Protein backbone atom coordinates (compact mmCIF):
# COMPACT_ATOMS: atom_id res chain seq x y z
CA UNK A 1 24.69 -1.07 -18.98
CA UNK A 2 21.98 0.63 -16.89
CA UNK A 3 18.55 -0.20 -18.04
CA UNK A 4 14.32 0.38 -17.60
CA UNK A 5 13.66 -3.19 -16.52
CA UNK A 6 13.52 -2.45 -12.92
CA UNK A 7 13.97 -6.45 -11.50
CA UNK A 8 17.78 -6.07 -12.60
CA UNK A 9 20.26 -3.44 -11.81
CA UNK A 10 22.05 -4.02 -14.92
CA UNK A 11 22.11 -5.91 -18.15
CA UNK A 12 25.24 -7.91 -19.74
CA UNK A 13 24.53 -8.66 -23.61
CA UNK A 14 27.28 -10.69 -24.66
CA UNK A 15 25.11 -11.76 -27.43
CA UNK A 16 22.20 -9.91 -29.83
CA UNK A 17 20.15 -12.15 -31.54
CA UNK A 18 17.34 -14.44 -31.39
CA UNK A 19 15.36 -17.03 -34.01
CA UNK A 20 12.16 -16.53 -32.41
CA UNK A 21 9.60 -14.15 -34.04
CA UNK A 22 7.47 -12.63 -30.75
CA UNK A 23 5.17 -9.84 -32.20
CA UNK A 24 5.97 -7.89 -29.23
CA UNK A 25 9.51 -8.13 -28.75
CA UNK A 26 11.57 -4.71 -27.96
CA UNK A 27 14.86 -6.34 -28.67
CA UNK A 28 14.68 -7.00 -32.18
CA UNK A 29 13.22 -3.13 -32.93
CA UNK A 30 16.93 -2.02 -30.77
CA UNK A 31 18.75 -4.21 -32.70
CA UNK A 32 17.86 -3.04 -36.10
CA UNK A 33 18.23 1.09 -34.67
CA UNK A 34 21.26 0.47 -33.07
CA UNK A 35 23.21 -2.15 -35.28
CA UNK A 36 25.75 -0.04 -37.10
CA UNK A 37 26.59 1.67 -33.94
CA UNK A 38 27.18 -1.64 -32.30
CA UNK A 39 28.82 -3.00 -34.98
CA UNK A 40 31.25 0.02 -35.07
CA UNK A 41 32.11 -0.59 -31.47
CA UNK A 42 32.85 -4.24 -32.15
CA UNK A 43 35.09 -3.53 -34.61
CA UNK A 44 37.09 -1.06 -32.47
CA UNK A 45 37.71 -3.42 -30.01
CA UNK A 46 38.58 -6.68 -32.20
CA UNK A 47 41.09 -4.40 -33.88
CA UNK A 48 42.61 -2.93 -30.70
CA UNK A 49 42.80 -6.85 -29.18
CA UNK A 50 43.64 -8.22 -32.39
CA UNK A 51 40.74 -10.51 -32.48
CA UNK A 52 39.93 -12.06 -35.68
CA UNK A 53 36.73 -14.24 -35.72
CA UNK A 54 37.45 -16.53 -39.11
CA UNK A 55 40.97 -16.14 -40.52
CA UNK A 56 39.74 -17.28 -43.96
CA UNK A 57 37.10 -14.42 -44.18
CA UNK A 58 38.67 -10.77 -45.08
CA UNK A 59 38.21 -8.21 -42.05
CA UNK A 60 36.32 -5.79 -44.00
CA UNK A 61 33.89 -8.70 -45.47
CA UNK A 62 33.59 -10.39 -41.79
CA UNK A 63 32.49 -6.97 -40.76
CA UNK A 64 29.91 -6.08 -42.98
CA UNK A 65 28.49 -9.57 -42.24
CA UNK A 66 28.67 -9.16 -38.69
CA UNK A 67 26.50 -5.85 -39.16
CA UNK A 68 23.82 -7.62 -41.06
CA UNK A 69 23.36 -10.54 -38.49
CA UNK A 70 22.96 -7.51 -36.02
CA UNK A 71 20.48 -5.63 -38.14
CA UNK A 72 18.52 -9.14 -39.02
CA UNK A 73 19.09 -9.80 -35.29
CA UNK A 74 20.96 -13.19 -35.82
CA UNK A 75 22.76 -14.40 -32.68
CA UNK A 76 26.00 -12.66 -32.51
CA UNK A 77 28.52 -12.92 -30.03
CA UNK A 78 29.98 -9.56 -29.27
CA UNK A 79 33.68 -9.39 -27.67
CA UNK A 80 33.12 -5.53 -26.50
CA UNK A 81 29.94 -6.44 -24.66
CA UNK A 82 31.17 -9.95 -23.13
CA UNK A 83 34.49 -7.92 -21.75
CA UNK A 84 32.76 -5.29 -20.06
CA UNK A 85 33.87 -4.91 -16.48
CA UNK A 86 31.31 -5.41 -13.37
CA UNK A 87 30.82 -3.11 -10.49
CA UNK A 88 32.81 -4.14 -7.70
CA UNK A 89 29.53 -3.90 -5.51
CA UNK A 90 27.08 -6.59 -5.64
CA UNK A 91 24.72 -6.30 -8.20
CA UNK A 92 21.53 -8.38 -9.84
CA UNK A 93 22.71 -8.70 -13.62
CA UNK A 94 20.47 -10.00 -16.21
CA UNK A 95 22.44 -12.03 -18.91
CA UNK A 96 20.98 -11.66 -22.16
CA UNK A 97 17.97 -9.18 -22.61
CA UNK A 98 18.89 -8.29 -26.09
CA UNK A 99 18.84 -12.36 -26.82
CA UNK A 100 17.42 -16.08 -26.36
CA UNK A 101 20.22 -18.08 -24.64
CA UNK A 102 18.35 -21.16 -26.40
CA UNK A 103 19.83 -20.12 -29.42
CA UNK A 104 23.29 -19.24 -28.33
CA UNK A 105 26.50 -21.59 -29.50
CA UNK A 106 27.85 -23.87 -26.72
CA UNK A 107 31.42 -22.09 -26.28
CA UNK A 108 29.28 -18.28 -25.89
CA UNK A 109 27.57 -20.03 -22.87
CA UNK A 110 31.01 -21.88 -21.77
CA UNK A 111 32.40 -18.12 -21.74
CA UNK A 112 29.48 -16.14 -20.00
CA UNK A 113 29.38 -19.21 -17.28
CA UNK A 114 33.35 -19.39 -16.63
CA UNK A 115 33.27 -15.45 -16.15
CA UNK A 116 30.19 -16.25 -13.74
CA UNK A 117 32.74 -18.12 -11.50
CA UNK A 118 35.00 -15.05 -11.10
CA UNK A 119 32.28 -12.92 -9.80
CA UNK A 120 30.79 -14.92 -6.60
CA UNK A 121 29.25 -11.43 -5.39
CA UNK A 122 26.86 -10.61 -8.18
CA UNK A 123 23.59 -12.35 -8.75
CA UNK A 124 23.36 -13.47 -12.75
CA UNK A 125 19.73 -13.78 -13.92
CA UNK A 126 18.99 -15.91 -17.18
CA UNK A 127 15.40 -16.08 -18.96
CA UNK A 128 14.25 -18.19 -21.81
CA UNK A 129 11.68 -19.71 -23.53
CA UNK A 130 13.14 -23.47 -23.61
CA UNK A 131 14.04 -24.52 -20.09
CA UNK A 132 15.56 -27.68 -21.00
CA UNK A 133 18.33 -25.24 -22.55
CA UNK A 134 19.57 -25.05 -18.55
CA UNK A 135 20.14 -28.84 -18.77
CA UNK A 136 23.42 -28.58 -20.39
CA UNK A 137 25.19 -27.13 -18.14
CA UNK A 138 26.77 -26.61 -14.83
CA UNK A 139 25.45 -23.09 -13.42
CA UNK A 140 27.09 -21.67 -10.28
CA UNK A 141 24.91 -21.22 -7.16
CA UNK A 142 24.50 -17.14 -7.85
CA UNK A 143 22.79 -17.79 -11.09
CA UNK A 144 18.82 -17.53 -11.24
CA UNK A 145 17.20 -19.29 -13.79
CA UNK A 146 14.05 -18.20 -15.23
CA UNK A 147 11.33 -18.98 -17.83
CA UNK A 148 9.80 -16.58 -19.91
CA UNK A 149 6.03 -17.38 -20.20
CA UNK A 150 3.69 -14.82 -22.06
CA UNK A 151 0.30 -16.80 -22.40
CA UNK A 152 -1.10 -20.22 -21.40
CA UNK A 153 0.22 -21.75 -24.49
CA UNK A 154 3.72 -21.71 -23.47
CA UNK A 155 3.28 -23.33 -20.11
CA UNK A 156 3.06 -27.31 -20.91
CA UNK A 157 3.46 -30.29 -17.91
CA UNK A 158 7.08 -30.67 -19.35
CA UNK A 159 8.51 -27.40 -19.06
CA UNK A 160 7.32 -27.23 -15.39
CA UNK A 161 8.25 -30.73 -14.82
CA UNK A 162 11.96 -30.06 -15.94
CA UNK A 163 12.13 -27.45 -13.57
CA UNK A 164 11.04 -29.43 -10.90
CA UNK A 165 13.27 -32.37 -11.91
CA UNK A 166 16.52 -30.69 -13.10
CA UNK A 167 17.02 -27.20 -11.73
CA UNK A 168 19.46 -27.49 -8.77
CA UNK A 169 17.91 -26.33 -5.33
CA UNK A 170 20.73 -23.83 -5.02
CA UNK A 171 19.85 -21.79 -8.30
CA UNK A 172 16.50 -19.58 -7.70
CA UNK A 173 13.99 -20.57 -10.15
CA UNK A 174 12.09 -17.90 -11.46
CA UNK A 175 9.13 -16.92 -13.97
CA UNK A 176 8.68 -14.05 -16.00
CA UNK A 177 4.75 -13.43 -16.75
CA UNK A 178 5.93 -10.59 -19.52
CA UNK A 179 3.58 -9.64 -21.45
CA UNK A 180 0.86 -11.42 -19.54
CA UNK A 181 -1.59 -12.17 -22.36
CA UNK A 182 -3.88 -14.42 -20.45
CA UNK A 183 -5.59 -15.78 -17.18
CA UNK A 184 -2.39 -18.42 -15.76
CA UNK A 185 -3.26 -21.80 -14.40
CA UNK A 186 -2.18 -20.93 -10.49
CA UNK A 187 -1.16 -24.47 -9.55
CA UNK A 188 1.71 -23.88 -12.16
CA UNK A 189 3.38 -21.27 -10.33
CA UNK A 190 4.47 -23.94 -7.22
CA UNK A 191 7.60 -24.74 -8.98
CA UNK A 192 9.09 -21.19 -8.91
CA UNK A 193 10.66 -18.82 -5.80
CA UNK A 194 9.80 -16.03 -7.60
CA UNK A 195 7.23 -14.49 -10.04
CA UNK A 196 7.59 -11.47 -12.31
CA UNK A 197 4.51 -9.59 -14.17
CA UNK A 198 4.19 -7.23 -16.64
CA UNK A 199 2.20 -6.06 -19.92
CA UNK A 200 2.81 -5.76 -23.28
CA UNK A 201 4.59 -2.52 -24.29
CA UNK A 202 4.38 -0.59 -27.37
CA UNK A 203 1.77 0.50 -29.89
CA UNK A 204 1.86 -2.23 -31.75
CA UNK A 205 -1.60 -3.11 -33.49
CA UNK A 206 -3.72 -5.83 -31.36
CA UNK A 207 -2.19 -5.39 -28.25
CA UNK A 208 -3.03 -7.22 -25.26
CA UNK A 209 -4.23 -4.99 -22.17
CA UNK A 210 -4.12 -7.60 -18.85
CA UNK A 211 -7.43 -7.63 -17.08
CA UNK A 212 -7.02 -6.76 -13.07
CA UNK A 213 -8.62 -9.89 -12.12
CA UNK A 214 -5.41 -12.02 -14.02
CA UNK A 215 -2.90 -9.76 -12.05
CA UNK A 216 -5.08 -10.03 -8.84
CA UNK A 217 -5.36 -14.22 -9.15
CA UNK A 218 -1.71 -14.19 -9.36
CA UNK A 219 -0.56 -12.07 -7.00
CA UNK A 220 -3.07 -13.51 -4.07
CA UNK A 221 -1.79 -16.88 -5.01
CA UNK A 222 2.15 -16.18 -4.49
CA UNK A 223 0.65 -14.10 -1.28
CA UNK A 224 -0.74 -17.30 0.00
CA UNK A 225 2.07 -19.42 -0.79
CA UNK A 226 5.12 -17.14 0.29
CA UNK A 227 6.19 -16.68 -3.36
CA UNK A 228 7.69 -13.14 -3.84
CA UNK A 229 5.96 -11.31 -6.56
CA UNK A 230 7.60 -8.29 -8.46
CA UNK A 231 4.95 -6.18 -10.71
CA UNK A 232 6.57 -4.06 -13.64
CA UNK A 233 6.06 -0.35 -14.27
CA UNK A 234 3.56 -1.17 -17.02
CA UNK A 235 0.98 -2.47 -14.67
CA UNK A 236 0.59 0.71 -12.93
CA UNK A 237 -2.45 1.96 -14.34
CA UNK A 238 -4.41 -1.68 -14.04
CA UNK A 239 -3.17 -2.59 -10.78
CA UNK A 240 -2.64 0.12 -8.47
CA UNK A 241 -1.05 -1.48 -5.61
CA UNK A 242 2.83 -1.52 -6.13
CA UNK A 243 4.49 -4.97 -5.66
CA UNK A 244 8.37 -5.18 -5.90
CA UNK A 245 9.45 -8.26 -3.83
CA UNK A 246 12.66 -10.45 -4.49
CA UNK A 247 13.50 -13.75 -3.34
CA UNK A 248 14.99 -13.42 0.25
CA UNK A 249 18.38 -15.15 -0.52
CA UNK A 250 18.96 -11.94 -2.89
CA UNK A 251 19.29 -9.86 0.45
CA UNK A 252 21.46 -12.24 2.16
CA UNK A 253 23.98 -11.91 -0.96
CA UNK A 254 23.82 -8.23 -1.09
CA UNK A 255 24.96 -8.27 2.90
CA UNK A 256 27.59 -10.62 2.59
CA UNK A 257 29.12 -8.76 -0.40
CA UNK A 258 28.74 -5.13 1.62
């Protein structure tokens, strides 16, 4: 599915839903708006492929329950989305823009990882606020494992030490500072191979506008330490220099698959 995220080519949303209640979450609003449409697609797919989640529940009740789950943003596995075909040309695929993988059931992640092994030409990008999730599975080398950090309160020594100790060197480690809600301790960026920065979007009350010096400090630190930086378009009016860099390994992967 094409997107406006920028740092990925397509999204792959086998699961919709998250148990967090971040005030700036765009996905929860999308789910509420398109729950009925997605539920219809899922019903049609299951009927065509003779899939029944629970043999003890009549289909009509199960379909309605799934609709309620989607609308309320309760983590829900979607067969119709999981089985979507990927392009043959190498792509950067963001796994789970409509969910938090820390809230997935174990068999959902297993299904996704098994499918990733079948597509070594693609890069699969994950994001979570709970990076210890990554320790429970063996992710292929073409998976980039990211952590979402909105403010200083999300940056604990535990999270970063975890990254340093448990994530394999073969996997790109990245941090998404979106939305950027405050000044970030720069030395904490040393654990990552890539940094994404973005502003809070939407028209909600109390929206935080990042200060130029917050962005500038991060960009300068990354430049000095040779860490690629990607600035989202949401920063255009704040930081006038456009920077859209990717880890070098991404270019190698693209050329190998072309």
